[in-house]
PDB file of all heavy atoms in Angstrom:
ATOM      1  N   VAL A   1       1.471  12.552   7.550  1.00  0.00           N
ATOM      2  CA  VAL A   1       0.045  12.844   7.417  1.00  0.00           C
ATOM      3  C   VAL A   1      -0.470  12.328   6.077  1.00  0.00           C
ATOM      4  O   VAL A   1      -1.567  11.761   5.989  1.00  0.00           O
ATOM      5  CB  VAL A   1      -0.218  14.364   7.565  1.00  0.00           C
ATOM      6  CG1 VAL A   1      -1.626  14.720   7.191  1.00  0.00           C
ATOM      7  CG2 VAL A   1       0.100  14.812   8.975  1.00  0.00           C
ATOM      8  N   LYS A   2       0.335  12.487   5.036  1.00  0.00           N
ATOM      9  CA  LYS A   2      -0.047  11.995   3.711  1.00  0.00           C
ATOM     10  C   LYS A   2      -0.237  10.485   3.733  1.00  0.00           C
ATOM     11  O   LYS A   2      -1.205   9.975   3.160  1.00  0.00           O
ATOM     12  CB  LYS A   2       1.023  12.374   2.683  1.00  0.00           C
ATOM     13  CG  LYS A   2       0.724  11.858   1.297  1.00  0.00           C
ATOM     14  CD  LYS A   2       1.859  12.132   0.352  1.00  0.00           C
ATOM     15  CE  LYS A   2       1.615  11.440  -0.977  1.00  0.00           C
ATOM     16  NZ  LYS A   2       2.755  11.545  -1.861  1.00  0.00           N
ATOM     17  N   GLU A   3       0.666   9.771   4.404  1.00  0.00           N
ATOM     18  CA  GLU A   3       0.534   8.319   4.507  1.00  0.00           C
ATOM     19  C   GLU A   3      -0.775   7.928   5.198  1.00  0.00           C
ATOM     20  O   GLU A   3      -1.447   6.984   4.780  1.00  0.00           O
ATOM     21  CB  GLU A   3       1.726   7.731   5.258  1.00  0.00           C
ATOM     22  CG  GLU A   3       3.021   7.776   4.492  1.00  0.00           C
ATOM     23  CD  GLU A   3       4.202   7.280   5.306  1.00  0.00           C
ATOM     24  OE1 GLU A   3       3.972   6.712   6.398  1.00  0.00           O
ATOM     25  OE2 GLU A   3       5.330   7.454   4.849  1.00  0.00           O
ATOM     26  N   ASP A   4      -1.137   8.661   6.248  1.00  0.00           N
ATOM     27  CA  ASP A   4      -2.396   8.388   6.944  1.00  0.00           C
ATOM     28  C   ASP A   4      -3.588   8.580   6.014  1.00  0.00           C
ATOM     29  O   ASP A   4      -4.512   7.760   5.990  1.00  0.00           O
ATOM     30  CB  ASP A   4      -2.545   9.286   8.169  1.00  0.00           C
ATOM     31  CG  ASP A   4      -1.539   8.962   9.260  1.00  0.00           C
ATOM     32  OD1 ASP A   4      -0.994   7.831   9.253  1.00  0.00           O
ATOM     33  OD2 ASP A   4      -1.304   9.831  10.122  1.00  0.00           O
ATOM     34  N   TYR A   5      -3.564   9.668   5.258  1.00  0.00           N
ATOM     35  CA  TYR A   5      -4.667   9.933   4.338  1.00  0.00           C
ATOM     36  C   TYR A   5      -4.733   8.898   3.219  1.00  0.00           C
ATOM     37  O   TYR A   5      -5.818   8.499   2.804  1.00  0.00           O
ATOM     38  CB  TYR A   5      -4.572  11.340   3.745  1.00  0.00           C
ATOM     39  CG  TYR A   5      -5.056  12.412   4.688  1.00  0.00           C
ATOM     40  CD1 TYR A   5      -4.219  13.446   5.091  1.00  0.00           C
ATOM     41  CD2 TYR A   5      -6.349  12.397   5.184  1.00  0.00           C
ATOM     42  CE1 TYR A   5      -4.664  14.421   5.956  1.00  0.00           C
ATOM     43  CE2 TYR A   5      -6.797  13.367   6.057  1.00  0.00           C
ATOM     44  CZ  TYR A   5      -5.947  14.381   6.440  1.00  0.00           C
ATOM     45  OH  TYR A   5      -6.386  15.341   7.299  1.00  0.00           O
ATOM     46  N   VAL A   6      -3.583   8.459   2.743  1.00  0.00           N
ATOM     47  CA  VAL A   6      -3.572   7.435   1.690  1.00  0.00           C
ATOM     48  C   VAL A   6      -4.166   6.136   2.226  1.00  0.00           C
ATOM     49  O   VAL A   6      -4.953   5.483   1.535  1.00  0.00           O
ATOM     50  CB  VAL A   6      -2.135   7.226   1.156  1.00  0.00           C
ATOM     51  CG1 VAL A   6      -2.039   5.984   0.296  1.00  0.00           C
ATOM     52  CG2 VAL A   6      -1.687   8.450   0.369  1.00  0.00           C
ATOM     53  N   GLU A   7      -3.830   5.766   3.464  1.00  0.00           N
ATOM     54  CA  GLU A   7      -4.402   4.562   4.073  1.00  0.00           C
ATOM     55  C   GLU A   7      -5.915   4.691   4.212  1.00  0.00           C
ATOM     56  O   GLU A   7      -6.657   3.746   3.929  1.00  0.00           O
ATOM     57  CB  GLU A   7      -3.765   4.303   5.433  1.00  0.00           C
ATOM     58  CG  GLU A   7      -2.331   3.847   5.365  1.00  0.00           C
ATOM     59  CD  GLU A   7      -1.688   3.728   6.735  1.00  0.00           C
ATOM     60  OE1 GLU A   7      -2.408   3.916   7.756  1.00  0.00           O
ATOM     61  OE2 GLU A   7      -0.482   3.464   6.791  1.00  0.00           O
ATOM     62  N   LYS A   8      -6.376   5.865   4.652  1.00  0.00           N
ATOM     63  CA  LYS A   8      -7.820   6.081   4.787  1.00  0.00           C
ATOM     64  C   LYS A   8      -8.511   6.023   3.429  1.00  0.00           C
ATOM     65  O   LYS A   8      -9.613   5.478   3.313  1.00  0.00           O
ATOM     66  CB  LYS A   8      -8.091   7.428   5.465  1.00  0.00           C
ATOM     67  CG  LYS A   8      -7.752   7.433   6.932  1.00  0.00           C
ATOM     68  CD  LYS A   8      -8.004   8.788   7.550  1.00  0.00           C
ATOM     69  CE  LYS A   8      -7.556   8.820   8.998  1.00  0.00           C
ATOM     70  NZ  LYS A   8      -7.738  10.136   9.613  1.00  0.00           N
ATOM     71  N   MET A   9      -7.865   6.578   2.409  1.00  0.00           N
ATOM     72  CA  MET A   9      -8.454   6.541   1.066  1.00  0.00           C
ATOM     73  C   MET A   9      -8.571   5.108   0.559  1.00  0.00           C
ATOM     74  O   MET A   9      -9.582   4.734  -0.045  1.00  0.00           O
ATOM     75  CB  MET A   9      -7.613   7.374   0.093  1.00  0.00           C
ATOM     76  CG  MET A   9      -7.778   8.861   0.268  1.00  0.00           C
ATOM     77  SD  MET A   9      -6.650   9.867  -0.709  1.00  0.00           S
ATOM     78  CE  MET A   9      -6.702   9.132  -2.297  1.00  0.00           C
ATOM     79  N   GLU A  10      -7.550   4.297   0.820  1.00  0.00           N
ATOM     80  CA  GLU A  10      -7.597   2.899   0.392  1.00  0.00           C
ATOM     81  C   GLU A  10      -8.717   2.150   1.117  1.00  0.00           C
ATOM     82  O   GLU A  10      -9.432   1.350   0.513  1.00  0.00           O
ATOM     83  CB  GLU A  10      -6.248   2.225   0.657  1.00  0.00           C
ATOM     84  CG  GLU A  10      -5.147   2.701  -0.260  1.00  0.00           C
ATOM     85  CD  GLU A  10      -3.777   2.195   0.146  1.00  0.00           C
ATOM     86  OE1 GLU A  10      -3.675   1.512   1.206  1.00  0.00           O
ATOM     87  OE2 GLU A  10      -2.814   2.470  -0.589  1.00  0.00           O
ATOM     88  N   GLU A  11      -8.880   2.430   2.404  1.00  0.00           N
ATOM     89  CA  GLU A  11      -9.944   1.792   3.174  1.00  0.00           C
ATOM     90  C   GLU A  11     -11.323   2.199   2.658  1.00  0.00           C
ATOM     91  O   GLU A  11     -12.210   1.361   2.490  1.00  0.00           O
ATOM     92  CB  GLU A  11      -9.806   2.163   4.652  1.00  0.00           C
ATOM     93  CG  GLU A  11     -10.830   1.518   5.548  1.00  0.00           C
ATOM     94  CD  GLU A  11     -10.654   1.937   6.991  1.00  0.00           C
ATOM     95  OE1 GLU A  11      -9.505   2.142   7.426  1.00  0.00           O
ATOM     96  OE2 GLU A  11     -11.682   2.054   7.675  1.00  0.00           O
ATOM     97  N   VAL A  12     -11.485   3.479   2.372  1.00  0.00           N
ATOM     98  CA  VAL A  12     -12.764   3.969   1.857  1.00  0.00           C
ATOM     99  C   VAL A  12     -13.050   3.373   0.474  1.00  0.00           C
ATOM    100  O   VAL A  12     -14.188   2.982   0.177  1.00  0.00           O
ATOM    101  CB  VAL A  12     -12.768   5.516   1.809  1.00  0.00           C
ATOM    102  CG1 VAL A  12     -13.930   6.039   0.995  1.00  0.00           C
ATOM    103  CG2 VAL A  12     -12.807   6.077   3.213  1.00  0.00           C
ATOM    104  N   GLU A  13     -12.036   3.271  -0.353  1.00  0.00           N
ATOM    105  CA  GLU A  13     -12.210   2.692  -1.690  1.00  0.00           C
ATOM    106  C   GLU A  13     -12.606   1.214  -1.586  1.00  0.00           C
ATOM    107  O   GLU A  13     -13.472   0.737  -2.322  1.00  0.00           O
ATOM    108  CB  GLU A  13     -10.925   2.842  -2.503  1.00  0.00           C
ATOM    109  CG  GLU A  13     -11.054   2.409  -3.940  1.00  0.00           C
ATOM    110  CD  GLU A  13     -12.014   3.248  -4.756  1.00  0.00           C
ATOM    111  OE1 GLU A  13     -12.207   4.427  -4.434  1.00  0.00           O
ATOM    112  OE2 GLU A  13     -12.579   2.699  -5.719  1.00  0.00           O
ATOM    113  N   LYS A  14     -11.993   0.505  -0.651  1.00  0.00           N
ATOM    114  CA  LYS A  14     -12.330  -0.902  -0.437  1.00  0.00           C
ATOM    115  C   LYS A  14     -13.785  -1.032   0.023  1.00  0.00           C
ATOM    116  O   LYS A  14     -14.542  -1.864  -0.489  1.00  0.00           O
ATOM    117  CB  LYS A  14     -11.387  -1.520   0.593  1.00  0.00           C
ATOM    118  CG  LYS A  14     -11.602  -2.999   0.817  1.00  0.00           C
ATOM    119  CD  LYS A  14     -10.696  -3.521   1.901  1.00  0.00           C
ATOM    120  CE  LYS A  14     -11.327  -3.105   3.205  1.00  0.00           C
ATOM    121  NZ  LYS A  14     -10.773  -3.676   4.394  1.00  0.00           N
ATOM    122  N   ASP A  15     -14.190  -0.184   0.976  1.00  0.00           N
ATOM    123  CA  ASP A  15     -15.581  -0.200   1.454  1.00  0.00           C
ATOM    124  C   ASP A  15     -16.548   0.168   0.340  1.00  0.00           C
ATOM    125  O   ASP A  15     -17.633  -0.418   0.227  1.00  0.00           O
ATOM    126  CB  ASP A  15     -15.758   0.771   2.625  1.00  0.00           C
ATOM    127  CG  ASP A  15     -15.056   0.297   3.885  1.00  0.00           C
ATOM    128  OD1 ASP A  15     -14.698  -0.901   3.953  1.00  0.00           O
ATOM    129  OD2 ASP A  15     -14.856   1.129   4.795  1.00  0.00           O
ATOM    130  N   ARG A  16     -16.167   1.120  -0.469  1.00  0.00           N
ATOM    131  CA  ARG A  16     -17.026   1.551  -1.582  1.00  0.00           C
ATOM    132  C   ARG A  16     -17.251   0.410  -2.569  1.00  0.00           C
ATOM    133  O   ARG A  16     -18.372   0.171  -3.014  1.00  0.00           O
ATOM    134  CB  ARG A  16     -16.391   2.746  -2.293  1.00  0.00           C
ATOM    135  CG  ARG A  16     -17.210   3.319  -3.419  1.00  0.00           C
ATOM    136  CD  ARG A  16     -16.436   4.480  -4.061  1.00  0.00           C
ATOM    137  NE  ARG A  16     -16.835   4.731  -5.398  1.00  0.00           N
ATOM    138  CZ  ARG A  16     -16.522   4.018  -6.476  1.00  0.00           C
ATOM    139  NH1 ARG A  16     -15.789   2.948  -6.351  1.00  0.00           N
ATOM    140  NH2 ARG A  16     -16.940   4.354  -7.662  1.00  0.00           N
ATOM    141  N   LYS A  17     -16.181  -0.282  -2.901  1.00  0.00           N
ATOM    142  CA  LYS A  17     -16.316  -1.400  -3.830  1.00  0.00           C
ATOM    143  C   LYS A  17     -17.193  -2.494  -3.236  1.00  0.00           C
ATOM    144  O   LYS A  17     -18.010  -3.099  -3.940  1.00  0.00           O
ATOM    145  CB  LYS A  17     -14.940  -1.968  -4.197  1.00  0.00           C
ATOM    146  CG  LYS A  17     -14.175  -1.090  -5.143  1.00  0.00           C
ATOM    147  CD  LYS A  17     -12.825  -1.684  -5.492  1.00  0.00           C
ATOM    148  CE  LYS A  17     -12.066  -0.743  -6.426  1.00  0.00           C
ATOM    149  NZ  LYS A  17     -10.744  -1.273  -6.765  1.00  0.00           N
ATOM    150  N   ALA A  18     -17.041  -2.756  -1.931  1.00  0.00           N
ATOM    151  CA  ALA A  18     -17.871  -3.776  -1.273  1.00  0.00           C
ATOM    152  C   ALA A  18     -19.330  -3.356  -1.252  1.00  0.00           C
ATOM    153  O   ALA A  18     -20.230  -4.177  -1.475  1.00  0.00           O
ATOM    154  CB  ALA A  18     -17.360  -4.019   0.141  1.00  0.00           C
ATOM    155  N   LEU A  19     -19.587  -2.074  -1.001  1.00  0.00           N
ATOM    156  CA  LEU A  19     -20.969  -1.588  -0.936  1.00  0.00           C
ATOM    157  C   LEU A  19     -21.643  -1.602  -2.301  1.00  0.00           C
ATOM    158  O   LEU A  19     -22.819  -1.944  -2.420  1.00  0.00           O
ATOM    159  CB  LEU A  19     -21.012  -0.168  -0.368  1.00  0.00           C
ATOM    160  CG  LEU A  19     -20.819  -0.038   1.126  1.00  0.00           C
ATOM    161  CD1 LEU A  19     -20.736   1.430   1.506  1.00  0.00           C
ATOM    162  CD2 LEU A  19     -21.932  -0.715   1.887  1.00  0.00           C
ATOM    163  N   MET A  20     -20.920  -1.203  -3.313  1.00  0.00           N
ATOM    164  CA  MET A  20     -21.524  -1.132  -4.642  1.00  0.00           C
ATOM    165  C   MET A  20     -21.800  -2.516  -5.230  1.00  0.00           C
ATOM    166  O   MET A  20     -22.625  -2.661  -6.122  1.00  0.00           O
ATOM    167  CB  MET A  20     -20.629  -0.331  -5.597  1.00  0.00           C
ATOM    168  CG  MET A  20     -20.515   1.115  -5.227  1.00  0.00           C
ATOM    169  SD  MET A  20     -22.135   1.891  -5.202  1.00  0.00           S
ATOM    170  CE  MET A  20     -21.842   3.248  -4.128  1.00  0.00           C
ATOM    171  N   GLY A  21     -21.147  -3.536  -4.710  1.00  0.00           N
ATOM    172  CA  GLY A  21     -21.354  -4.877  -5.224  1.00  0.00           C
ATOM    173  C   GLY A  21     -22.448  -5.633  -4.502  1.00  0.00           C
ATOM    174  O   GLY A  21     -22.917  -6.665  -4.987  1.00  0.00           O
ATOM    175  N   ASN A  22     -22.901  -5.163  -3.355  1.00  0.00           N
ATOM    176  CA  ASN A  22     -23.866  -5.887  -2.545  1.00  0.00           C
ATOM    177  C   ASN A  22     -24.989  -4.943  -2.131  1.00  0.00           C
ATOM    178  O   ASN A  22     -24.787  -4.031  -1.337  1.00  0.00           O
ATOM    179  CB  ASN A  22     -23.162  -6.468  -1.314  1.00  0.00           C
ATOM    180  CG  ASN A  22     -24.037  -7.397  -0.522  1.00  0.00           C
ATOM    181  OD1 ASN A  22     -25.239  -7.454  -0.710  1.00  0.00           O
ATOM    182  ND2 ASN A  22     -23.406  -8.139   0.383  1.00  0.00           N
ATOM    183  N   THR A  23     -26.206  -5.165  -2.645  1.00  0.00           N
ATOM    184  CA  THR A  23     -27.326  -4.253  -2.351  1.00  0.00           C
ATOM    185  C   THR A  23     -27.783  -4.356  -0.903  1.00  0.00           C
ATOM    186  O   THR A  23     -28.205  -3.358  -0.315  1.00  0.00           O
ATOM    187  CB  THR A  23     -28.514  -4.530  -3.294  1.00  0.00           C
ATOM    188  OG1 THR A  23     -28.886  -5.904  -3.177  1.00  0.00           O
ATOM    189  CG2 THR A  23     -28.141  -4.214  -4.722  1.00  0.00           C
ATOM    190  N   ASP A  24     -27.702  -5.555  -0.303  1.00  0.00           N
ATOM    191  CA  ASP A  24     -28.098  -5.692   1.104  1.00  0.00           C
ATOM    192  C   ASP A  24     -27.159  -4.899   2.010  1.00  0.00           C
ATOM    193  O   ASP A  24     -27.596  -4.230   2.948  1.00  0.00           O
ATOM    194  CB  ASP A  24     -28.093  -7.165   1.520  1.00  0.00           C
ATOM    195  CG  ASP A  24     -29.166  -7.973   0.808  1.00  0.00           C
ATOM    196  OD1 ASP A  24     -30.200  -7.362   0.429  1.00  0.00           O
ATOM    197  OD2 ASP A  24     -28.974  -9.184   0.628  1.00  0.00           O
ATOM    198  N   LEU A  25     -25.880  -4.971   1.720  1.00  0.00           N
ATOM    199  CA  LEU A  25     -24.892  -4.223   2.494  1.00  0.00           C
ATOM    200  C   LEU A  25     -25.057  -2.719   2.280  1.00  0.00           C
ATOM    201  O   LEU A  25     -24.911  -1.939   3.224  1.00  0.00           O
ATOM    202  CB  LEU A  25     -23.486  -4.666   2.093  1.00  0.00           C
ATOM    203  CG  LEU A  25     -22.342  -4.288   3.010  1.00  0.00           C
ATOM    204  CD1 LEU A  25     -22.570  -4.843   4.405  1.00  0.00           C
ATOM    205  CD2 LEU A  25     -21.031  -4.811   2.460  1.00  0.00           C
TER     206      LEU A  25
END
């Protein structure tokens, strides 16, 4: 379960970085 949550956290962090860098997105 921890591995699943770590994967989800990495995905969310990646999306967050993409969103914060692009105002249109």
